[in-house]
Amino acid sequence: AGKSFRKFLPLFDRVLVERCAAETVTKGGIMIPEKSQGKVLQATVVAVGSGARGKDGEIQPVSVKVGEKVLLPEYGGTKIVLEDKDYYLFRDGDILGKYVD
């Protein structure tokens, strides 16, 4: 899977993420129908751009790193298909937060 990211590198303050799989079974073992699963808002960062240029001309680095789990807005992002897998491209400022252990 790492090969596809050598072919696609986000520019500026953009972040490429892979959405986490939706829960298909409850903790009690009940299957959840696809209609009821809801939109997945959690994703893993797979590639980041170099950052946006600030007003002073300095590059402002992206606030997330590859491998981190992030919370996405319900709408937005640009869908990109790389090697038959779906990825989404967001601006760094559109990411709502990141999960910390």
PDB file of N, CA and C in Angstrom:
ATOM      1  N   ALA A   1       0.829  -1.202   0.000  1.00  0.00           N
ATOM      2  CA  ALA A   1       0.000   0.000   0.000  1.00  0.00           C
ATOM      3  C   ALA A   1       0.865   1.255   0.000  1.00  0.00           C
ATOM      4  N   GLY A   2       2.079   1.160   0.513  1.00  0.00           N
ATOM      5  CA  GLY A   2       2.959   2.315   0.580  1.00  0.00           C
ATOM      6  C   GLY A   2       3.360   2.861  -0.778  1.00  0.00           C
ATOM      7  N   LYS A   3       3.353   2.016  -1.807  1.00  0.00           N
ATOM      8  CA  LYS A   3       3.768   2.442  -3.144  1.00  0.00           C
ATOM      9  C   LYS A   3       2.887   3.564  -3.677  1.00  0.00           C
ATOM     10  N   SER A   4       1.585   3.488  -3.446  1.00  0.00           N
ATOM     11  CA  SER A   4       0.664   4.466  -4.017  1.00  0.00           C
ATOM     12  C   SER A   4       0.959   5.872  -3.512  1.00  0.00           C
ATOM     13  N   PHE A   5       1.529   6.014  -2.303  1.00  0.00           N
ATOM     14  CA  PHE A   5       1.772   7.339  -1.761  1.00  0.00           C
ATOM     15  C   PHE A   5       3.025   7.957  -2.357  1.00  0.00           C
ATOM     16  N   ARG A   6       3.859   7.173  -2.987  1.00  0.00           N
ATOM     17  CA  ARG A   6       4.991   7.746  -3.708  1.00  0.00           C
ATOM     18  C   ARG A   6       4.485   8.367  -5.007  1.00  0.00           C
ATOM     19  N   LYS A   7       3.347   7.877  -5.491  1.00  0.00           N
ATOM     20  CA  LYS A   7       2.773   8.405  -6.721  1.00  0.00           C
ATOM     21  C   LYS A   7       1.930   9.647  -6.459  1.00  0.00           C
ATOM     22  N   PHE A   8       1.464   9.826  -5.218  1.00  0.00           N
ATOM     23  CA  PHE A   8       0.612  10.970  -4.896  1.00  0.00           C
ATOM     24  C   PHE A   8       1.116  11.652  -3.636  1.00  0.00           C
ATOM     25  N   LEU A   9       1.501  12.901  -3.760  1.00  0.00           N
ATOM     26  CA  LEU A   9       1.973  13.674  -2.611  1.00  0.00           C
ATOM     27  C   LEU A   9       1.107  14.926  -2.503  1.00  0.00           C
ATOM     28  N   PRO A  10       0.409  15.108  -1.377  1.00  0.00           N
ATOM     29  CA  PRO A  10      -0.419  16.309  -1.217  1.00  0.00           C
ATOM     30  C   PRO A  10       0.449  17.569  -1.249  1.00  0.00           C
ATOM     31  N   LEU A  11      -0.104  18.646  -1.766  1.00  0.00           N
ATOM     32  CA  LEU A  11       0.608  19.918  -1.825  1.00  0.00           C
ATOM     33  C   LEU A  11       0.165  20.839  -0.695  1.00  0.00           C
ATOM     34  N   PHE A  12       1.023  21.745  -0.317  1.00  0.00           N
ATOM     35  CA  PHE A  12       0.752  22.796   0.666  1.00  0.00           C
ATOM     36  C   PHE A  12       0.199  22.222   1.968  1.00  0.00           C
ATOM     37  N   ASP A  13      -0.994  22.673   2.389  1.00  0.00           N
ATOM     38  CA  ASP A  13      -1.537  22.263   3.691  1.00  0.00           C
ATOM     39  C   ASP A  13      -2.563  21.140   3.558  1.00  0.00           C
ATOM     40  N   ARG A  14      -2.434  20.336   2.524  1.00  0.00           N
ATOM     41  CA  ARG A  14      -3.411  19.267   2.325  1.00  0.00           C
ATOM     42  C   ARG A  14      -2.953  17.974   2.992  1.00  0.00           C
ATOM     43  N   VAL A  15      -3.953  17.179   3.409  1.00  0.00           N
ATOM     44  CA  VAL A  15      -3.714  15.938   4.142  1.00  0.00           C
ATOM     45  C   VAL A  15      -4.506  14.830   3.459  1.00  0.00           C
ATOM     46  N   LEU A  16      -3.836  13.718   3.132  1.00  0.00           N
ATOM     47  CA  LEU A  16      -4.497  12.563   2.526  1.00  0.00           C
ATOM     48  C   LEU A  16      -4.806  11.566   3.633  1.00  0.00           C
ATOM     49  N   VAL A  17      -6.077  11.143   3.724  1.00  0.00           N
ATOM     50  CA  VAL A  17      -6.494  10.225   4.784  1.00  0.00           C
ATOM     51  C   VAL A  17      -7.218   9.023   4.201  1.00  0.00           C
ATOM     52  N   GLU A  18      -7.198   7.945   4.966  1.00  0.00           N
ATOM     53  CA  GLU A  18      -7.977   6.750   4.643  1.00  0.00           C
ATOM     54  C   GLU A  18      -8.994   6.593   5.763  1.00  0.00           C
ATOM     55  N   ARG A  19     -10.277   6.625   5.394  1.00  0.00           N
ATOM     56  CA  ARG A  19     -11.330   6.496   6.409  1.00  0.00           C
ATOM     57  C   ARG A  19     -11.265   5.121   7.049  1.00  0.00           C
ATOM     58  N   CYS A  20     -11.525   5.070   8.355  1.00  0.00           N
ATOM     59  CA  CYS A  20     -11.573   3.798   9.071  1.00  0.00           C
ATOM     60  C   CYS A  20     -12.849   3.070   8.665  1.00  0.00           C
ATOM     61  N   ALA A  21     -12.819   1.753   8.718  1.00  0.00           N
ATOM     62  CA  ALA A  21     -13.985   0.955   8.335  1.00  0.00           C
ATOM     63  C   ALA A  21     -15.128   1.213   9.304  1.00  0.00           C
ATOM     64  N   ALA A  22     -16.342   1.238   8.774  1.00  0.00           N
ATOM     65  CA  ALA A  22     -17.531   1.434   9.607  1.00  0.00           C
ATOM     66  C   ALA A  22     -17.764   0.203  10.469  1.00  0.00           C
ATOM     67  N   GLU A  23     -18.316   0.432  11.651  1.00  0.00           N
ATOM     68  CA  GLU A  23     -18.670  -0.687  12.530  1.00  0.00           C
ATOM     69  C   GLU A  23     -19.813  -1.454  11.874  1.00  0.00           C
ATOM     70  N   THR A  24     -19.612  -2.741  11.650  1.00  0.00           N
ATOM     71  CA  THR A  24     -20.664  -3.550  11.034  1.00  0.00           C
ATOM     72  C   THR A  24     -21.327  -4.476  12.036  1.00  0.00           C
ATOM     73  N   VAL A  25     -20.731  -4.609  13.215  1.00  0.00           N
ATOM     74  CA  VAL A  25     -21.274  -5.472  14.261  1.00  0.00           C
ATOM     75  C   VAL A  25     -21.170  -4.721  15.590  1.00  0.00           C
ATOM     76  N   THR A  26     -22.240  -4.779  16.400  1.00  0.00           N
ATOM     77  CA  THR A  26     -22.192  -4.141  17.716  1.00  0.00           C
ATOM     78  C   THR A  26     -21.338  -4.978  18.652  1.00  0.00           C
ATOM     79  N   LYS A  27     -21.005  -4.412  19.822  1.00  0.00           N
ATOM     80  CA  LYS A  27     -20.221  -5.158  20.807  1.00  0.00           C
ATOM     81  C   LYS A  27     -20.946  -6.421  21.243  1.00  0.00           C
ATOM     82  N   GLY A  28     -22.282  -6.397  21.180  1.00  0.00           N
ATOM     83  CA  GLY A  28     -23.083  -7.563  21.549  1.00  0.00           C
ATOM     84  C   GLY A  28     -23.204  -8.587  20.431  1.00  0.00           C
ATOM     85  N   GLY A  29     -22.630  -8.301  19.255  1.00  0.00           N
ATOM     86  CA  GLY A  29     -22.632  -9.261  18.153  1.00  0.00           C
ATOM     87  C   GLY A  29     -23.770  -9.081  17.160  1.00  0.00           C
ATOM     88  N   ILE A  30     -24.527  -7.986  17.253  1.00  0.00           N
ATOM     89  CA  ILE A  30     -25.644  -7.751  16.333  1.00  0.00           C
ATOM     90  C   ILE A  30     -25.111  -7.072  15.076  1.00  0.00           C
ATOM     91  N   MET A  31     -25.497  -7.602  13.907  1.00  0.00           N
ATOM     92  CA  MET A  31     -25.082  -7.013  12.629  1.00  0.00           C
ATOM     93  C   MET A  31     -25.818  -5.688  12.414  1.00  0.00           C
ATOM     94  N   ILE A  32     -25.092  -4.658  12.002  1.00  0.00           N
ATOM     95  CA  ILE A  32     -25.691  -3.350  11.742  1.00  0.00           C
ATOM     96  C   ILE A  32     -25.907  -3.224  10.237  1.00  0.00           C
ATOM     97  N   PRO A  33     -27.160  -2.961   9.794  1.00  0.00           N
ATOM     98  CA  PRO A  33     -27.391  -2.789   8.354  1.00  0.00           C
ATOM     99  C   PRO A  33     -26.629  -1.574   7.824  1.00  0.00           C
ATOM    100  N   GLU A  34     -26.245  -1.619   6.556  1.00  0.00           N
ATOM    101  CA  GLU A  34     -25.425  -0.558   5.966  1.00  0.00           C
ATOM    102  C   GLU A  34     -26.077   0.812   6.111  1.00  0.00           C
ATOM    103  N   LYS A  35     -27.408   0.889   5.946  1.00  0.00           N
ATOM    104  CA  LYS A  35     -28.122   2.166   6.050  1.00  0.00           C
ATOM    105  C   LYS A  35     -27.980   2.783   7.439  1.00  0.00           C
ATOM    106  N   SER A  36     -27.864   1.952   8.458  1.00  0.00           N
ATOM    107  CA  SER A  36     -27.830   2.433   9.843  1.00  0.00           C
ATOM    108  C   SER A  36     -26.420   2.683  10.365  1.00  0.00           C
ATOM    109  N   GLN A  37     -25.404   2.380   9.570  1.00  0.00           N
ATOM    110  CA  GLN A  37     -24.030   2.486  10.061  1.00  0.00           C
ATOM    111  C   GLN A  37     -23.591   3.923  10.276  1.00  0.00           C
ATOM    112  N   GLY A  38     -24.139   4.839   9.525  1.00  0.00           N
ATOM    113  CA  GLY A  38     -23.746   6.241   9.681  1.00  0.00           C
ATOM    114  C   GLY A  38     -22.439   6.527   8.965  1.00  0.00           C
ATOM    115  N   LYS A  39     -22.130   7.802   8.872  1.00  0.00           N
ATOM    116  CA  LYS A  39     -20.926   8.223   8.161  1.00  0.00           C
ATOM    117  C   LYS A  39     -19.706   8.063   9.074  1.00  0.00           C
ATOM    118  N   VAL A  40     -18.635   7.536   8.526  1.00  0.00           N
ATOM    119  CA  VAL A  40     -17.409   7.346   9.305  1.00  0.00           C
ATOM    120  C   VAL A  40     -16.654   8.670   9.340  1.00  0.00           C
ATOM    121  N   LEU A  41     -16.393   9.143  10.542  1.00  0.00           N
ATOM    122  CA  LEU A  41     -15.726  10.432  10.695  1.00  0.00           C
ATOM    123  C   LEU A  41     -14.289  10.278  11.168  1.00  0.00           C
ATOM    124  N   GLN A  42     -13.866   9.039  11.419  1.00  0.00           N
ATOM    125  CA  GLN A  42     -12.498   8.797  11.876  1.00  0.00           C
ATOM    126  C   GLN A  42     -11.671   8.290  10.699  1.00  0.00           C
ATOM    127  N   ALA A  43     -10.422   8.750  10.619  1.00  0.00           N
ATOM    128  CA  ALA A  43      -9.550   8.350   9.516  1.00  0.00           C
ATOM    129  C   ALA A  43      -8.105   8.312   9.991  1.00  0.00           C
ATOM    130  N   THR A  44      -7.274   7.640   9.185  1.00  0.00           N
ATOM    131  CA  THR A  44      -5.839   7.578   9.449  1.00  0.00           C
ATOM    132  C   THR A  44      -5.123   8.424   8.405  1.00  0.00           C
ATOM    133  N   VAL A  45      -4.205   9.261   8.845  1.00  0.00           N
ATOM    134  CA  VAL A  45      -3.425  10.108   7.935  1.00  0.00           C
ATOM    135  C   VAL A  45      -2.418   9.228   7.203  1.00  0.00           C
ATOM    136  N   VAL A  46      -2.402   9.300   5.866  1.00  0.00           N
ATOM    137  CA  VAL A  46      -1.470   8.485   5.086  1.00  0.00           C
ATOM    138  C   VAL A  46      -0.412   9.324   4.363  1.00  0.00           C
ATOM    139  N   ALA A  47      -0.659  10.618   4.176  1.00  0.00           N
ATOM    140  CA  ALA A  47       0.339  11.502   3.557  1.00  0.00           C
ATOM    141  C   ALA A  47      -0.022  12.946   3.887  1.00  0.00           C
ATOM    142  N   VAL A  48       0.987  13.802   4.016  1.00  0.00           N
ATOM    143  CA  VAL A  48       0.749  15.220   4.302  1.00  0.00           C
ATOM    144  C   VAL A  48       1.593  16.087   3.375  1.00  0.00           C
ATOM    145  N   GLY A  49       1.089  17.285   3.109  1.00  0.00           N
ATOM    146  CA  GLY A  49       1.839  18.249   2.316  1.00  0.00           C
ATOM    147  C   GLY A  49       2.896  18.929   3.172  1.00  0.00           C
ATOM    148  N   SER A  50       3.665  19.811   2.559  1.00  0.00           N
ATOM    149  CA  SER A  50       4.764  20.477   3.266  1.00  0.00           C
ATOM    150  C   SER A  50       4.282  21.610   4.161  1.00  0.00           C
ATOM    151  N   GLY A  51       3.062  22.075   3.961  1.00  0.00           N
ATOM    152  CA  GLY A  51       2.518  23.166   4.767  1.00  0.00           C
ATOM    153  C   GLY A  51       2.186  24.366   3.901  1.00  0.00           C
ATOM    154  N   ALA A  52       1.401  25.286   4.471  1.00  0.00           N
ATOM    155  CA  ALA A  52       1.001  26.494   3.744  1.00  0.00           C
ATOM    156  C   ALA A  52       1.950  27.635   4.091  1.00  0.00           C
ATOM    157  N   ARG A  53       2.066  28.569   3.170  1.00  0.00           N
ATOM    158  CA  ARG A  53       2.921  29.731   3.404  1.00  0.00           C
ATOM    159  C   ARG A  53       2.120  30.763   4.201  1.00  0.00           C
ATOM    160  N   GLY A  54       2.655  31.174   5.333  1.00  0.00           N
ATOM    161  CA  GLY A  54       1.990  32.162   6.184  1.00  0.00           C
ATOM    162  C   GLY A  54       2.142  33.567   5.636  1.00  0.00           C
ATOM    163  N   LYS A  55       1.531  34.540   6.311  1.00  0.00           N
ATOM    164  CA  LYS A  55       1.585  35.945   5.872  1.00  0.00           C
ATOM    165  C   LYS A  55       3.014  36.480   5.847  1.00  0.00           C
ATOM    166  N   ASP A  56       3.856  35.953   6.743  1.00  0.00           N
ATOM    167  CA  ASP A  56       5.247  36.405   6.801  1.00  0.00           C
ATOM    168  C   ASP A  56       6.145  35.681   5.799  1.00  0.00           C
ATOM    169  N   GLY A  57       5.552  34.772   5.010  1.00  0.00           N
ATOM    170  CA  GLY A  57       6.328  34.039   4.016  1.00  0.00           C
ATOM    171  C   GLY A  57       6.903  32.732   4.515  1.00  0.00           C
ATOM    172  N   GLU A  58       6.821  32.495   5.822  1.00  0.00           N
ATOM    173  CA  GLU A  58       7.333  31.246   6.399  1.00  0.00           C
ATOM    174  C   GLU A  58       6.352  30.106   6.133  1.00  0.00           C
ATOM    175  N   ILE A  59       6.888  28.903   5.956  1.00  0.00           N
ATOM    176  CA  ILE A  59       6.041  27.719   5.780  1.00  0.00           C
ATOM    177  C   ILE A  59       5.499  27.299   7.145  1.00  0.00           C
ATOM    178  N   GLN A  60       4.180  27.191   7.245  1.00  0.00           N
ATOM    179  CA  GLN A  60       3.530  26.709   8.467  1.00  0.00           C
ATOM    180  C   GLN A  60       3.313  25.210   8.306  1.00  0.00           C
ATOM    181  N   PRO A  61       3.986  24.368   9.087  1.00  0.00           N
ATOM    182  CA  PRO A  61       3.849  22.923   8.895  1.00  0.00           C
ATOM    183  C   PRO A  61       2.429  22.436   9.192  1.00  0.00           C
ATOM    184  N   VAL A  62       2.076  21.323   8.588  1.00  0.00           N
ATOM    185  CA  VAL A  62       0.769  20.699   8.799  1.00  0.00           C
ATOM    186  C   VAL A  62       0.717  20.184  10.238  1.00  0.00           C
ATOM    187  N   SER A  63      -0.458  20.251  10.873  1.00  0.00           N
ATOM    188  CA  SER A  63      -0.579  19.937  12.304  1.00  0.00           C
ATOM    189  C   SER A  63      -0.714  18.449  12.610  1.00  0.00           C
ATOM    190  N   VAL A  64      -0.824  17.605  11.586  1.00  0.00           N
ATOM    191  CA  VAL A  64      -0.927  16.156  11.823  1.00  0.00           C
ATOM    192  C   VAL A  64       0.218  15.440  11.124  1.00  0.00           C
ATOM    193  N   LYS A  65       0.497  14.216  11.588  1.00  0.00           N
ATOM    194  CA  LYS A  65       1.583  13.419  11.014  1.00  0.00           C
ATOM    195  C   LYS A  65       1.025  12.126  10.442  1.00  0.00           C
ATOM    196  N   VAL A  66       1.768  11.526   9.532  1.00  0.00           N
ATOM    197  CA  VAL A  66       1.382  10.244   8.939  1.00  0.00           C
ATOM    198  C   VAL A  66       1.216   9.211  10.050  1.00  0.00           C
ATOM    199  N   GLY A  67       0.121   8.456   9.987  1.00  0.00           N
ATOM    200  CA  GLY A  67      -0.146   7.412  10.967  1.00  0.00           C
ATOM    201  C   GLY A  67      -1.091   7.837  12.078  1.00  0.00           C
ATOM    202  N   GLU A  68      -1.299   9.147  12.246  1.00  0.00           N
ATOM    203  CA  GLU A  68      -2.195   9.610  13.313  1.00  0.00           C
ATOM    204  C   GLU A  68      -3.655   9.401  12.922  1.00  0.00           C
ATOM    205  N   LYS A  69      -4.495   9.171  13.938  1.00  0.00           N
ATOM    206  CA  LYS A  69      -5.941   9.045  13.733  1.00  0.00           C
ATOM    207  C   LYS A  69      -6.556  10.421  13.948  1.00  0.00           C
ATOM    208  N   VAL A  70      -7.418  10.831  13.011  1.00  0.00           N
ATOM    209  CA  VAL A  70      -8.015  12.163  13.066  1.00  0.00           C
ATOM    210  C   VAL A  70      -9.535  12.085  12.966  1.00  0.00           C
ATOM    211  N   LEU A  71     -10.194  13.172  13.384  1.00  0.00           N
ATOM    212  CA  LEU A  71     -11.638  13.309  13.283  1.00  0.00           C
ATOM    213  C   LEU A  71     -11.932  14.249  12.125  1.00  0.00           C
ATOM    214  N   LEU A  72     -12.779  13.794  11.202  1.00  0.00           N
ATOM    215  CA  LEU A  72     -13.092  14.564  10.007  1.00  0.00           C
ATOM    216  C   LEU A  72     -14.458  15.225  10.128  1.00  0.00           C
ATOM    217  N   PRO A  73     -14.682  16.312   9.372  1.00  0.00           N
ATOM    218  CA  PRO A  73     -16.032  16.872   9.316  1.00  0.00           C
ATOM    219  C   PRO A  73     -16.943  15.898   8.563  1.00  0.00           C
ATOM    220  N   GLU A  74     -18.252  16.014   8.792  1.00  0.00           N
ATOM    221  CA  GLU A  74     -19.185  15.081   8.155  1.00  0.00           C
ATOM    222  C   GLU A  74     -19.172  15.225   6.636  1.00  0.00           C
ATOM    223  N   TYR A  75     -18.981  16.443   6.149  1.00  0.00           N
ATOM    224  CA  TYR A  75     -18.974  16.679   4.705  1.00  0.00           C
ATOM    225  C   TYR A  75     -17.654  17.307   4.304  1.00  0.00           C
ATOM    226  N   GLY A  76     -17.336  17.213   3.031  1.00  0.00           N
ATOM    227  CA  GLY A  76     -16.119  17.831   2.531  1.00  0.00           C
ATOM    228  C   GLY A  76     -15.075  16.791   2.174  1.00  0.00           C
ATOM    229  N   GLY A  77     -13.944  17.271   1.754  1.00  0.00           N
ATOM    230  CA  GLY A  77     -12.876  16.378   1.318  1.00  0.00           C
ATOM    231  C   GLY A  77     -13.059  15.993  -0.136  1.00  0.00           C
ATOM    232  N   THR A  78     -11.970  15.705  -0.792  1.00  0.00           N
ATOM    233  CA  THR A  78     -11.989  15.286  -2.188  1.00  0.00           C
ATOM    234  C   THR A  78     -11.625  13.818  -2.250  1.00  0.00           C
ATOM    235  N   LYS A  79     -12.513  13.011  -2.856  1.00  0.00           N
ATOM    236  CA  LYS A  79     -12.272  11.568  -2.943  1.00  0.00           C
ATOM    237  C   LYS A  79     -11.233  11.292  -4.024  1.00  0.00           C
ATOM    238  N   ILE A  80     -10.272  10.457  -3.690  1.00  0.00           N
ATOM    239  CA  ILE A  80      -9.221  10.052  -4.621  1.00  0.00           C
ATOM    240  C   ILE A  80      -9.115   8.536  -4.566  1.00  0.00           C
ATOM    241  N   VAL A  81      -9.043   7.887  -5.723  1.00  0.00           N
ATOM    242  CA  VAL A  81      -8.888   6.434  -5.762  1.00  0.00           C
ATOM    243  C   VAL A  81      -7.462   6.121  -6.199  1.00  0.00           C
ATOM    244  N   LEU A  82      -6.726   5.427  -5.334  1.00  0.00           N
ATOM    245  CA  LEU A  82      -5.356   4.999  -5.639  1.00  0.00           C
ATOM    246  C   LEU A  82      -5.297   3.486  -5.483  1.00  0.00           C
ATOM    247  N   GLU A  83      -4.924   2.800  -6.533  1.00  0.00           N
ATOM    248  CA  GLU A  83      -4.831   1.334  -6.517  1.00  0.00           C
ATOM    249  C   GLU A  83      -6.092   0.697  -5.935  1.00  0.00           C
ATOM    250  N   ASP A  84      -7.252   1.126  -6.440  1.00  0.00           N
ATOM    251  CA  ASP A  84      -8.571   0.581  -6.082  1.00  0.00           C
ATOM    252  C   ASP A  84      -8.961   0.804  -4.627  1.00  0.00           C
ATOM    253  N   LYS A  85      -8.324   1.719  -3.925  1.00  0.00           N
ATOM    254  CA  LYS A  85      -8.721   2.059  -2.553  1.00  0.00           C
ATOM    255  C   LYS A  85      -9.136   3.523  -2.525  1.00  0.00           C
ATOM    256  N   ASP A  86     -10.132   3.826  -1.692  1.00  0.00           N
ATOM    257  CA  ASP A  86     -10.624   5.199  -1.580  1.00  0.00           C
ATOM    258  C   ASP A  86      -9.857   5.966  -0.506  1.00  0.00           C
ATOM    259  N   TYR A  87      -9.411   7.140  -0.867  1.00  0.00           N
ATOM    260  CA  TYR A  87      -8.748   8.050   0.057  1.00  0.00           C
ATOM    261  C   TYR A  87      -9.429   9.405  -0.076  1.00  0.00           C
ATOM    262  N   TYR A  88      -9.216  10.273   0.907  1.00  0.00           N
ATOM    263  CA  TYR A  88      -9.827  11.597   0.881  1.00  0.00           C
ATOM    264  C   TYR A  88      -8.770  12.645   1.178  1.00  0.00           C
ATOM    265  N   LEU A  89      -8.871  13.758   0.467  1.00  0.00           N
ATOM    266  CA  LEU A  89      -7.925  14.852   0.611  1.00  0.00           C
ATOM    267  C   LEU A  89      -8.627  16.013   1.313  1.00  0.00           C
ATOM    268  N   PHE A  90      -8.087  16.444   2.445  1.00  0.00           N
ATOM    269  CA  PHE A  90      -8.641  17.555   3.217  1.00  0.00           C
ATOM    270  C   PHE A  90      -7.568  18.609   3.418  1.00  0.00           C
ATOM    271  N   ARG A  91      -7.995  19.840   3.622  1.00  0.00           N
ATOM    272  CA  ARG A  91      -7.063  20.885   4.059  1.00  0.00           C
ATOM    273  C   ARG A  91      -6.796  20.662   5.539  1.00  0.00           C
ATOM    274  N   ASP A  92      -5.609  20.985   5.976  1.00  0.00           N
ATOM    275  CA  ASP A  92      -5.236  20.818   7.382  1.00  0.00           C
ATOM    276  C   ASP A  92      -6.238  21.512   8.307  1.00  0.00           C
ATOM    277  N   GLY A  93      -6.678  22.702   7.949  1.00  0.00           N
ATOM    278  CA  GLY A  93      -7.610  23.462   8.777  1.00  0.00           C
ATOM    279  C   GLY A  93      -9.007  22.863   8.857  1.00  0.00           C
ATOM    280  N   ASP A  94      -9.343  21.954   7.931  1.00  0.00           N
ATOM    281  CA  ASP A  94     -10.671  21.324   7.939  1.00  0.00           C
ATOM    282  C   ASP A  94     -10.737  20.125   8.874  1.00  0.00           C
ATOM    283  N   ILE A  95      -9.586  19.584   9.265  1.00  0.00           N
ATOM    284  CA  ILE A  95      -9.569  18.433  10.173  1.00  0.00           C
ATOM    285  C   ILE A  95      -9.946  18.937  11.562  1.00  0.00           C
ATOM    286  N   LEU A  96     -10.921  18.258  12.186  1.00  0.00           N
ATOM    287  CA  LEU A  96     -11.486  18.746  13.448  1.00  0.00           C
ATOM    288  C   LEU A  96     -10.592  18.484  14.650  1.00  0.00           C
ATOM    289  N   GLY A  97      -9.823  17.411  14.617  1.00  0.00           N
ATOM    290  CA  GLY A  97      -8.966  17.084  15.755  1.00  0.00           C
ATOM    291  C   GLY A  97      -8.250  15.778  15.508  1.00  0.00           C
ATOM    292  N   LYS A  98      -7.372  15.418  16.458  1.00  0.00           N
ATOM    293  CA  LYS A  98      -6.678  14.138  16.337  1.00  0.00           C
ATOM    294  C   LYS A  98      -6.790  13.382  17.647  1.00  0.00           C
ATOM    295  N   TYR A  99      -6.784  12.059  17.544  1.00  0.00           N
ATOM    296  CA  TYR A  99      -6.894  11.195  18.714  1.00  0.00           C
ATOM    297  C   TYR A  99      -5.500  10.968  19.288  1.00  0.00           C
ATOM    298  N   VAL A 100      -5.381  11.031  20.609  1.00  0.00           N
ATOM    299  CA  VAL A 100      -4.103  10.770  21.262  1.00  0.00           C
ATOM    300  C   VAL A 100      -4.270   9.613  22.232  1.00  0.00           C
ATOM    301  N   ASP A 101      -3.243   8.780  22.329  1.00  0.00           N
ATOM    302  CA  ASP A 101      -3.307   7.612  23.221  1.00  0.00           C
ATOM    303  C   ASP A 101      -3.079   8.014  24.662  1.00  0.00           C
TER     304      ASP A 101
END
